[in-house]
C-alpha atoms as a PDB file:
ATOM      1  CA  MET A   1     191.339 123.734 138.487  1.00  0.00           C
ATOM      2  CA  SER A   2     194.413 121.568 138.048  1.00  0.00           C
ATOM      3  CA  ARG A   3     194.417 118.494 135.846  1.00  0.00           C
ATOM      4  CA  PRO A   4     192.175 115.701 137.142  1.00  0.00           C
ATOM      5  CA  LYS A   5     194.051 112.981 138.992  1.00  0.00           C
ATOM      6  CA  ASN A   6     191.293 110.372 139.128  1.00  0.00           C
ATOM      7  CA  LYS A   7     187.982 109.431 137.529  1.00  0.00           C
ATOM      8  CA  GLU A   8     185.868 111.417 139.998  1.00  0.00           C
ATOM      9  CA  GLU A   9     187.848 114.621 139.383  1.00  0.00           C
ATOM     10  CA  LEU A  10     187.635 114.061 135.621  1.00  0.00           C
ATOM     11  CA  ILE A  11     183.853 113.654 135.786  1.00  0.00           C
ATOM     12  CA  ASP A  12     183.563 116.777 137.971  1.00  0.00           C
ATOM     13  CA  LEU A  13     185.682 118.811 135.555  1.00  0.00           C
ATOM     14  CA  SER A  14     183.747 117.514 132.548  1.00  0.00           C
ATOM     15  CA  SER A  15     180.411 118.335 134.164  1.00  0.00           C
ATOM     16  CA  SER A  16     181.611 121.798 135.128  1.00  0.00           C
ATOM     17  CA  SER A  17     182.937 122.511 131.638  1.00  0.00           C
ATOM     18  CA  PHE A  18     179.733 121.241 130.000  1.00  0.00           C
ATOM     19  CA  LYS A  19     177.681 123.513 132.275  1.00  0.00           C
ATOM     20  CA  LYS A  20     179.887 126.495 131.338  1.00  0.00           C
ATOM     21  CA  LEU A  21     179.365 125.739 127.642  1.00  0.00           C
ATOM     22  CA  ASN A  22     175.592 125.479 128.087  1.00  0.00           C
ATOM     23  CA  ASP A  23     175.487 128.676 130.138  1.00  0.00           C
ATOM     24  CA  TYR A  24     177.535 130.473 127.482  1.00  0.00           C
ATOM     25  CA  VAL A  25     175.231 129.349 124.668  1.00  0.00           C
ATOM     26  CA  ASP A  26     172.178 130.240 126.788  1.00  0.00           C
ATOM     27  CA  SER A  27     173.573 133.760 127.277  1.00  0.00           C
ATOM     28  CA  PHE A  28     172.942 134.523 123.583  1.00  0.00           C
ATOM     29  CA  SER A  29     169.583 135.788 122.406  1.00  0.00           C
ATOM     30  CA  ASP A  30     167.588 133.627 120.003  1.00  0.00           C
ATOM     31  CA  ALA A  31     168.557 135.956 117.156  1.00  0.00           C
ATOM     32  CA  GLU A  32     172.266 135.649 118.041  1.00  0.00           C
ATOM     33  CA  ARG A  33     171.994 131.859 118.228  1.00  0.00           C
ATOM     34  CA  GLU A  34     170.421 131.681 114.780  1.00  0.00           C
ATOM     35  CA  ALA A  35     172.688 134.290 113.168  1.00  0.00           C
ATOM     36  CA  GLU A  36     174.762 133.142 110.226  1.00  0.00           C
ATOM     37  CA  PHE A  37     178.554 133.469 110.349  1.00  0.00           C
ATOM     38  CA  LEU A  38     180.560 135.154 107.622  1.00  0.00           C
ATOM     39  CA  LYS A  39     180.673 133.386 104.271  1.00  0.00           C
ATOM     40  CA  GLY A  40     183.720 131.214 103.679  1.00  0.00           C
ATOM     41  CA  THR A  41     183.802 129.714 107.179  1.00  0.00           C
ATOM     42  CA  MET A  42     183.312 126.002 107.778  1.00  0.00           C
ATOM     43  CA  ASN A  43     180.534 126.569 110.304  1.00  0.00           C
ATOM     44  CA  ARG A  44     177.451 128.566 109.359  1.00  0.00           C
ATOM     45  CA  ASN A  45     176.185 129.184 112.906  1.00  0.00           C
ATOM     46  CA  ILE A  46     176.516 128.154 116.566  1.00  0.00           C
ATOM     47  CA  ARG A  47     174.496 124.998 115.921  1.00  0.00           C
ATOM     48  CA  ASP A  48     177.140 123.869 113.389  1.00  0.00           C
ATOM     49  CA  VAL A  49     179.951 124.525 115.882  1.00  0.00           C
ATOM     50  CA  LEU A  50     178.212 122.443 118.559  1.00  0.00           C
ATOM     51  CA  GLY A  51     177.439 119.685 116.053  1.00  0.00           C
ATOM     52  CA  HIS A  52     181.076 119.500 114.974  1.00  0.00           C
ATOM     53  CA  LEU A  53     182.219 119.471 118.614  1.00  0.00           C
ATOM     54  CA  HIS A  54     179.847 116.581 119.339  1.00  0.00           C
ATOM     55  CA  HIS A  55     181.053 114.541 116.364  1.00  0.00           C
ATOM     56  CA  TRP A  56     184.721 115.143 117.240  1.00  0.00           C
ATOM     57  CA  HIS A  57     183.933 113.806 120.702  1.00  0.00           C
ATOM     58  CA  LEU A  58     182.329 110.701 119.179  1.00  0.00           C
ATOM     59  CA  MET A  59     185.334 110.162 116.884  1.00  0.00           C
ATOM     60  CA  MET A  60     187.783 110.457 119.782  1.00  0.00           C
ATOM     61  CA  THR A  61     185.721 108.029 121.865  1.00  0.00           C
ATOM     62  CA  CYS A  62     185.692 105.572 118.952  1.00  0.00           C
ATOM     63  CA  GLN A  63     189.457 105.899 118.498  1.00  0.00           C
ATOM     64  CA  GLN A  64     190.080 105.212 122.185  1.00  0.00           C
ATOM     65  CA  ARG A  65     187.875 102.124 122.051  1.00  0.00           C
ATOM     66  CA  ALA A  66     189.714 100.903 118.927  1.00  0.00           C
ATOM     67  CA  ILE A  67     193.097 101.357 120.642  1.00  0.00           C
ATOM     68  CA  HIS A  68     191.886  99.010 123.371  1.00  0.00           C
ATOM     69  CA  GLY A  69     190.600  96.462 120.856  1.00  0.00           C
ATOM     70  CA  LYS A  70     186.917  97.257 121.291  1.00  0.00           C
ATOM     71  CA  ARG A  71     184.342  98.058 118.623  1.00  0.00           C
ATOM     72  CA  CYS A  72     183.091 101.589 118.167  1.00  0.00           C
ATOM     73  CA  LEU A  73     179.607 102.303 119.399  1.00  0.00           C
ATOM     74  CA  SER A  74     177.228 103.570 116.751  1.00  0.00           C
END
Protein backbone atom coordinates (compact mmCIF):
# COMPACT_ATOMS: atom_id res chain seq x y z
CA MET A 1 0.00 0.00 0.00
CA SER A 2 1.27 3.47 -0.82
CA ARG A 3 1.57 6.18 1.80
CA PRO A 4 -1.79 7.33 3.18
CA LYS A 5 -3.05 10.55 1.63
CA ASN A 6 -5.84 11.32 4.08
CA LYS A 7 -7.09 10.46 7.56
CA GLU A 8 -9.27 7.56 6.40
CA GLU A 9 -6.37 5.89 4.56
CA LEU A 10 -4.11 6.41 7.58
CA ILE A 11 -6.65 4.77 9.90
CA ASP A 12 -7.08 1.87 7.45
CA LEU A 13 -3.32 1.35 7.21
CA SER A 14 -2.92 1.57 10.98
CA SER A 15 -5.70 -0.94 11.57
CA SER A 16 -4.26 -3.30 8.98
CA SER A 17 -0.76 -3.07 10.44
CA PHE A 18 -2.05 -3.60 13.99
CA LYS A 19 -3.94 -6.70 12.84
CA LYS A 20 -0.77 -8.04 11.16
CA LEU A 21 1.17 -7.52 14.39
CA ASN A 22 -1.49 -9.29 16.45
CA ASP A 23 -1.70 -12.15 13.96
CA TYR A 24 2.09 -12.50 14.02
CA VAL A 25 2.22 -12.63 17.82
CA ASP A 26 -0.72 -15.08 17.85
CA SER A 27 1.19 -17.36 15.46
CA PHE A 28 3.68 -18.19 18.24
CA SER A 29 3.00 -20.97 20.70
CA ASP A 30 2.60 -20.08 24.37
CA ALA A 31 6.09 -21.43 25.04
CA GLU A 32 7.57 -19.27 22.25
CA ARG A 33 5.76 -16.19 23.57
CA GLU A 34 7.14 -16.72 27.06
CA ALA A 35 10.66 -17.68 25.96
CA GLU A 36 13.48 -15.50 27.20
CA PHE A 37 15.79 -13.80 24.70
CA LEU A 38 19.56 -14.07 24.87
CA LYS A 39 21.24 -12.36 27.81
CA GLY A 40 22.60 -8.90 27.12
CA THR A 41 19.62 -7.72 25.06
CA MET A 42 17.42 -4.85 26.19
CA ASN A 43 14.23 -6.89 25.87
CA ARG A 44 13.85 -10.16 27.74
CA ASN A 45 10.88 -11.50 25.75
CA ILE A 46 8.13 -10.60 23.27
CA ARG A 47 6.10 -8.95 26.03
CA ASP A 48 8.98 -6.50 26.62
CA VAL A 49 9.19 -5.69 22.90
CA LEU A 50 5.46 -4.94 22.74
CA GLY A 51 5.63 -2.89 25.94
CA HIS A 52 8.48 -0.78 24.57
CA LEU A 53 6.62 -0.31 21.27
CA HIS A 54 3.54 0.87 23.16
CA HIS A 55 5.51 3.37 25.26
CA TRP A 56 7.34 4.74 22.20
CA HIS A 57 3.92 5.32 20.64
CA LEU A 58 2.78 7.18 23.76
CA MET A 59 5.95 9.31 23.77
CA MET A 60 5.52 10.22 20.10
CA THR A 61 1.87 11.12 20.67
CA CYS A 62 2.88 13.32 23.62
CA GLN A 63 5.58 15.03 21.54
CA GLN A 64 3.12 15.79 18.75
CA ARG A 65 0.65 17.27 21.23
CA ALA A 66 3.43 19.40 22.77
CA ILE A 67 4.44 20.71 19.33
CA HIS A 68 0.88 21.96 18.90
CA GLY A 69 0.84 23.56 22.35
CA LYS A 70 -1.35 20.94 24.00
CA ARG A 71 -0.71 19.02 27.21
CA CYS A 72 0.27 15.38 27.11
CA LEU A 73 -2.38 12.90 28.09
CA SER A 74 -1.45 10.69 31.01
